[in-house]
Amino acid sequence: MNDNICQQIENSAHYRELVEKRQRFAYMLSIIMLIIYVGFILLIAFAPQWLGTPLHPGTSVTRGIPIGVGVILISFALTGIYIWRANGEFDRLNKAVLREVKAS
């Protein structure tokens, strides 16, 4: 019986749409984060003097600190964007798959 249900799910057009959209979106967000992170690491490797420059004269806060915090905040933002879409479009597609399987 479980094999039959799994086969019905795999044959569902909604399921294929869900998998395709979720994978494409996850890859896109991953690539964005990878570019940001690698860019930050390259900045550390090739421009450490620029990152080490204080934001204002007489302060110990350098350019690298807000940029590093920004990288972390962007990762949280991208996670939030994924969750927002997952709770919306992806959940609707998931429910459509379940309705389709229960109907047959």
Protein backbone atom coordinates (compact mmCIF):
# COMPACT_ATOMS: atom_id res chain seq x y z
CA MET A 1 0.00 0.00 0.00
CA ASN A 2 2.80 2.49 0.88
CA ASP A 3 4.52 1.78 -2.44
CA ASN A 4 1.28 2.59 -4.24
CA ILE A 5 0.94 5.91 -2.39
CA CYS A 6 4.58 6.79 -3.09
CA GLN A 7 4.08 6.01 -6.76
CA GLN A 8 0.96 8.18 -6.89
CA ILE A 9 2.85 11.05 -5.30
CA GLU A 10 5.79 10.70 -7.70
CA ASN A 11 3.40 10.67 -10.68
CA SER A 12 1.60 13.82 -9.50
CA ALA A 13 2.10 16.93 -11.63
CA HIS A 14 1.82 19.07 -8.50
CA TYR A 15 4.60 17.06 -6.85
CA ARG A 16 6.94 17.50 -9.81
CA GLU A 17 6.15 21.22 -9.85
CA LEU A 18 6.82 21.44 -6.10
CA VAL A 19 10.17 19.66 -6.36
CA GLU A 20 11.27 21.73 -9.36
CA LYS A 21 10.33 25.08 -7.84
CA ARG A 22 11.76 24.26 -4.42
CA GLN A 23 15.06 23.04 -5.85
CA ARG A 24 15.42 26.02 -8.20
CA PHE A 25 14.67 28.47 -5.38
CA ALA A 26 17.02 26.74 -2.92
CA TYR A 27 19.82 26.72 -5.51
CA MET A 28 19.28 30.40 -6.25
CA LEU A 29 19.43 31.37 -2.56
CA SER A 30 22.47 29.14 -2.04
CA ILE A 31 24.30 30.74 -4.96
CA ILE A 32 23.49 34.23 -3.65
CA MET A 33 24.84 33.32 -0.21
CA LEU A 34 27.90 31.64 -1.69
CA ILE A 35 28.73 34.73 -3.77
CA ILE A 36 28.36 36.99 -0.74
CA TYR A 37 30.44 34.72 1.50
CA VAL A 38 33.19 34.10 -1.07
CA GLY A 39 33.25 37.83 -1.82
CA PHE A 40 33.76 38.55 1.87
CA ILE A 41 36.54 35.96 2.14
CA LEU A 42 38.23 37.38 -0.99
CA LEU A 43 37.97 40.83 0.52
CA ILE A 44 39.68 39.54 3.65
CA ALA A 45 42.39 37.86 1.55
CA PHE A 46 43.11 40.67 -0.90
CA ALA A 47 42.14 43.88 0.90
CA PRO A 48 42.77 43.37 4.61
CA GLN A 49 44.11 46.92 4.97
CA TRP A 50 40.86 48.33 3.57
CA LEU A 51 38.77 46.17 5.93
CA GLY A 52 40.99 47.19 8.83
CA THR A 53 40.43 50.89 8.25
CA PRO A 54 38.41 52.50 11.06
CA LEU A 55 34.95 53.77 10.12
CA HIS A 56 35.65 57.12 11.76
CA PRO A 57 38.84 58.66 13.13
CA GLY A 58 39.36 57.73 16.76
CA THR A 59 37.10 54.65 16.73
CA SER A 60 38.12 51.03 16.97
CA VAL A 61 35.25 49.84 14.77
CA THR A 62 36.64 48.96 11.36
CA ARG A 63 34.92 48.52 8.00
CA GLY A 64 35.20 44.75 8.38
CA ILE A 65 32.91 44.57 11.41
CA PRO A 66 29.71 45.93 9.81
CA ILE A 67 30.45 44.02 6.60
CA GLY A 68 30.87 40.77 8.58
CA VAL A 69 27.68 41.45 10.53
CA GLY A 70 25.99 42.19 7.20
CA VAL A 71 26.99 38.77 5.85
CA ILE A 72 25.41 37.14 8.90
CA LEU A 73 22.25 39.25 8.65
CA ILE A 74 21.91 38.47 4.94
CA SER A 75 22.04 34.76 5.74
CA PHE A 76 19.19 35.22 8.23
CA ALA A 77 17.24 37.28 5.68
CA LEU A 78 17.66 34.64 2.97
CA THR A 79 16.52 31.97 5.43
CA GLY A 80 13.46 34.09 6.22
CA ILE A 81 12.71 34.51 2.52
CA TYR A 82 12.89 30.75 2.05
CA ILE A 83 10.60 30.13 5.02
CA TRP A 84 8.11 32.76 3.77
CA ARG A 85 7.92 31.08 0.36
CA ALA A 86 7.87 27.59 1.86
CA ASN A 87 4.95 28.49 4.11
CA GLY A 88 3.10 30.00 1.16
CA GLU A 89 3.57 28.56 -2.30
CA PHE A 90 5.33 25.33 -1.33
CA ASP A 91 2.73 24.46 1.32
CA ARG A 92 -0.09 25.09 -1.18
CA LEU A 93 1.56 22.74 -3.68
CA ASN A 94 2.11 20.16 -0.94
CA LYS A 95 -1.57 20.30 0.02
CA ALA A 96 -2.54 19.94 -3.64
CA VAL A 97 -0.45 16.77 -3.85
CA LEU A 98 -2.09 15.37 -0.74
CA ARG A 99 -5.59 16.18 -2.03
CA GLU A 100 -4.75 14.54 -5.35
CA VAL A 101 -3.46 11.36 -3.70
CA LYS A 102 -6.36 11.15 -1.22
CA ALA A 103 -8.88 11.58 -4.07
CA SER A 104 -7.56 8.55 -5.93
